[in-house]
Amino acid sequence: MTHAQTLVKALNVLAKAPQFSHSKARAAARKDGNVDWARTKEHNDGFNPEVDGCEAFVMNDGSLASWQPASFTYVARANA
């Protein structure tokens, strides 16, 4: 779960910026070596940034950095 918590902290700093977007969140996640991209792609099957806002990121330890549109933040979850 610490993998997701670390990414969530970084993403939430970005989310406070006026020009925050899905592509900026993805770029930040690409810099994190703990993101499991194959599982992230599978988890976000059918993802549409225009409707869904921001995608969730599955971490190597099985935790999840998940977008919460109501609060405009990411949260860490124990498992994907």
C-alpha atoms as a PDB file:
ATOM      1  CA  MET A   1       0.000   0.000   0.000  1.00  0.00           C
ATOM      2  CA  THR A   2       2.964   2.317   0.502  1.00  0.00           C
ATOM      3  CA  HIS A   3       3.521   2.340  -3.265  1.00  0.00           C
ATOM      4  CA  ALA A   4       0.063   3.813  -3.848  1.00  0.00           C
ATOM      5  CA  GLN A   5       0.401   6.257  -0.949  1.00  0.00           C
ATOM      6  CA  THR A   6       3.628   7.654  -2.398  1.00  0.00           C
ATOM      7  CA  LEU A   7       2.086   8.122  -5.848  1.00  0.00           C
ATOM      8  CA  VAL A   8      -1.107   9.599  -4.368  1.00  0.00           C
ATOM      9  CA  LYS A   9       0.898  12.272  -2.555  1.00  0.00           C
ATOM     10  CA  ALA A  10       2.634  13.291  -5.787  1.00  0.00           C
ATOM     11  CA  LEU A  11      -0.576  13.256  -7.832  1.00  0.00           C
ATOM     12  CA  ASN A  12      -2.550  15.270  -5.292  1.00  0.00           C
ATOM     13  CA  VAL A  13       0.083  18.019  -5.390  1.00  0.00           C
ATOM     14  CA  LEU A  14      -0.422  18.146  -9.166  1.00  0.00           C
ATOM     15  CA  ALA A  15      -4.225  18.014  -8.814  1.00  0.00           C
ATOM     16  CA  LYS A  16      -4.157  21.343  -6.975  1.00  0.00           C
ATOM     17  CA  ALA A  17      -2.572  23.066  -9.986  1.00  0.00           C
ATOM     18  CA  PRO A  18      -4.953  25.056 -12.201  1.00  0.00           C
ATOM     19  CA  GLN A  19      -3.959  23.188 -15.379  1.00  0.00           C
ATOM     20  CA  PHE A  20      -4.215  19.634 -13.976  1.00  0.00           C
ATOM     21  CA  SER A  21      -5.260  17.010 -16.514  1.00  0.00           C
ATOM     22  CA  HIS A  22      -5.332  13.287 -17.161  1.00  0.00           C
ATOM     23  CA  SER A  23      -2.207  13.540 -19.303  1.00  0.00           C
ATOM     24  CA  LYS A  24      -0.267  15.302 -16.513  1.00  0.00           C
ATOM     25  CA  ALA A  25      -1.303  12.627 -14.006  1.00  0.00           C
ATOM     26  CA  ARG A  26      -0.214   9.910 -16.431  1.00  0.00           C
ATOM     27  CA  ALA A  27       3.125  11.625 -17.039  1.00  0.00           C
ATOM     28  CA  ALA A  28       3.762  11.801 -13.287  1.00  0.00           C
ATOM     29  CA  ALA A  29       2.820   8.134 -12.884  1.00  0.00           C
ATOM     30  CA  ARG A  30       5.244   7.175 -15.668  1.00  0.00           C
ATOM     31  CA  LYS A  31       8.063   8.511 -13.495  1.00  0.00           C
ATOM     32  CA  ASP A  32       7.079   6.145 -10.670  1.00  0.00           C
ATOM     33  CA  GLY A  33       8.762   2.776 -11.098  1.00  0.00           C
ATOM     34  CA  ASN A  34       6.194   1.122  -8.836  1.00  0.00           C
ATOM     35  CA  VAL A  35       3.302   1.400 -11.318  1.00  0.00           C
ATOM     36  CA  ASP A  36       2.344  -1.909 -12.940  1.00  0.00           C
ATOM     37  CA  TRP A  37       1.437  -0.676 -16.422  1.00  0.00           C
ATOM     38  CA  ALA A  38       0.017  -3.958 -17.699  1.00  0.00           C
ATOM     39  CA  ARG A  39      -2.408  -4.208 -14.759  1.00  0.00           C
ATOM     40  CA  THR A  40      -3.153  -0.472 -14.957  1.00  0.00           C
ATOM     41  CA  LYS A  41      -4.161  -0.840 -18.606  1.00  0.00           C
ATOM     42  CA  GLU A  42      -6.342  -3.839 -17.766  1.00  0.00           C
ATOM     43  CA  HIS A  43      -7.945  -2.041 -14.800  1.00  0.00           C
ATOM     44  CA  ASN A  44      -8.775   1.008 -16.940  1.00  0.00           C
ATOM     45  CA  ASP A  45     -10.223  -0.910 -19.881  1.00  0.00           C
ATOM     46  CA  GLY A  46     -12.759   1.405 -21.478  1.00  0.00           C
ATOM     47  CA  PHE A  47     -11.316   4.488 -19.757  1.00  0.00           C
ATOM     48  CA  ASN A  48     -12.411   7.779 -21.327  1.00  0.00           C
ATOM     49  CA  PRO A  49     -10.690  10.894 -19.910  1.00  0.00           C
ATOM     50  CA  GLU A  50     -13.489  13.171 -21.160  1.00  0.00           C
ATOM     51  CA  VAL A  51     -16.046  11.256 -19.084  1.00  0.00           C
ATOM     52  CA  ASP A  52     -14.032   9.552 -16.348  1.00  0.00           C
ATOM     53  CA  GLY A  53     -11.672  12.377 -15.406  1.00  0.00           C
ATOM     54  CA  CYS A  54      -8.460  10.568 -14.453  1.00  0.00           C
ATOM     55  CA  GLU A  55      -7.555   6.922 -14.527  1.00  0.00           C
ATOM     56  CA  ALA A  56      -6.522   4.756 -11.599  1.00  0.00           C
ATOM     57  CA  PHE A  57      -3.007   3.336 -11.342  1.00  0.00           C
ATOM     58  CA  VAL A  58      -2.324  -0.226 -10.170  1.00  0.00           C
ATOM     59  CA  MET A  59       0.916  -0.588  -8.253  1.00  0.00           C
ATOM     60  CA  ASN A  60       3.389  -3.496  -8.193  1.00  0.00           C
ATOM     61  CA  ASP A  61       2.376  -4.316  -4.599  1.00  0.00           C
ATOM     62  CA  GLY A  62      -1.272  -4.681  -5.683  1.00  0.00           C
ATOM     63  CA  SER A  63      -2.446  -1.388  -4.201  1.00  0.00           C
ATOM     64  CA  LEU A  64      -4.327   1.202  -6.214  1.00  0.00           C
ATOM     65  CA  ALA A  65      -4.047   4.965  -6.622  1.00  0.00           C
ATOM     66  CA  SER A  66      -7.646   5.781  -7.473  1.00  0.00           C
ATOM     67  CA  TRP A  67      -9.178   9.051  -8.714  1.00  0.00           C
ATOM     68  CA  GLN A  68     -12.075  10.424  -6.662  1.00  0.00           C
ATOM     69  CA  PRO A  69     -13.985  12.915  -8.841  1.00  0.00           C
ATOM     70  CA  ALA A  70     -16.150  14.250  -6.018  1.00  0.00           C
ATOM     71  CA  SER A  71     -13.132  15.468  -4.047  1.00  0.00           C
ATOM     72  CA  PHE A  72     -10.874  16.025  -7.094  1.00  0.00           C
ATOM     73  CA  THR A  73      -8.119  13.968  -5.438  1.00  0.00           C
ATOM     74  CA  TYR A  74      -6.485  10.570  -5.582  1.00  0.00           C
ATOM     75  CA  VAL A  75      -6.753   8.068  -2.712  1.00  0.00           C
ATOM     76  CA  ALA A  76      -4.722   4.944  -1.943  1.00  0.00           C
ATOM     77  CA  ARG A  77      -6.583   1.640  -1.730  1.00  0.00           C
ATOM     78  CA  ALA A  78      -5.222  -1.634  -0.375  1.00  0.00           C
ATOM     79  CA  ASN A  79      -5.888  -3.757  -3.466  1.00  0.00           C
ATOM     80  CA  ALA A  80      -6.815  -3.293  -7.087  1.00  0.00           C
END
